[in-house]
Amino acid sequence: MATSAQAPMFVRVMGLPLRLALYVLASLVLMGVDARYDALRMVRSGIAALLHPVQAGLARPFHYLQDAFDFFEVHGQLVRDNHRLQEAQRVLMQQLHDRTLLHAENAHLRSLLGLTVPAGYNSHGVEIVQAMTNPFSRKVVVDRGSLQGISTGWPAVDEMGLVGQVTRVFPTSSEITLITSRDQDIPVQVVRNGLRLIVSGTGQDRLLEVRFLDMHADLQPDDILVTSGLDGVYPAGIPVARVVAVEPPRHTPFARAVCAPLAGVGRHRQMLILQGETPAGVSAPVGPATQQTVPGKRGLSP
């Protein structure tokens, strides 16, 4: 009978501590050799090449999430910055508009302060607080009245010329009828030749007319018309209008002259009201300085 092989009686198995020590020793030896001779460089390169696609694939979802978070964060920040900048722009535009208005108003006030008042007259600075809604009755209300010494009939001027006349006075306000109103007629004189005319309003801020003009009258475009002072209301020599065109007679024996007012009618909020110191019906004569009055000339002194 054949006998079967039997296992050895005493089997020595390497224990875990000893195996761990061997593995640690082997690792230290390999690390030392690699550090000294760079022996495992090719092995590391191969392992890195094999693991790189795996690492890139595992990291890609995290990159996508990070990009999405960055997008929404940047988008929200841009929206907030856009709203803030738009609000700042609105504020700056409003400030610029207010600054422009203040600059224009200050320039106009400086012009009024430097205005030469005709001899025998005092001036009262007023500001427009209301404009009448009737487009044909060109009237405005200013912030001074009888309590401040304003009376009816006084002329209103700016730095460029005649604006209107005080027609109604209340305790704290006054009504000024502008020279462009249909019911306003102003005796004027042509600076070039002394021809006396009557200028009437048309209901439009930038248009006056001489309605009954002799067809042979010596009146030409660009002639300057100033107050004649013969009515006892307006001092002589105040610039009123510039002749734009002279129209020949049409179905009537009279010609017609179209004029543009020299004053800032309907454009400024401030003006001067002239108070006459001379008796009613007495006005200063037209002097040599009046004959030199030109558009834009500061000063209303005759």
Foldseek 3Di string as FASTA:
>chain_A
DDDDDDDDPDDDDDDPVVVVVVVVVVVVVVVVCCVVPVPCVVVVVVVCVVCVVVVCVVCVVVVVVVVVVVVVVVVVVVVVVVVVVVVVVVVVVVVVVVVVVVVVQVVQVVLQVPAADAPQKDKDKWFFDAFDPPLQFGKTKTFAFVCVPDDFLWWWAGQFFTFFTFHAGDHGMTMTGGQQHQPHWAWKAFLVPRDIAIKHHDSDQFKIKGDFAQQPDPDDFQTWIWGQCQVQRDATQTTFWTWHHKAHDDPDNGIMTMTTGLGPHPHGGMIMTMGGNDDGRDHDGDDPVSSVDHGPDGYRYD
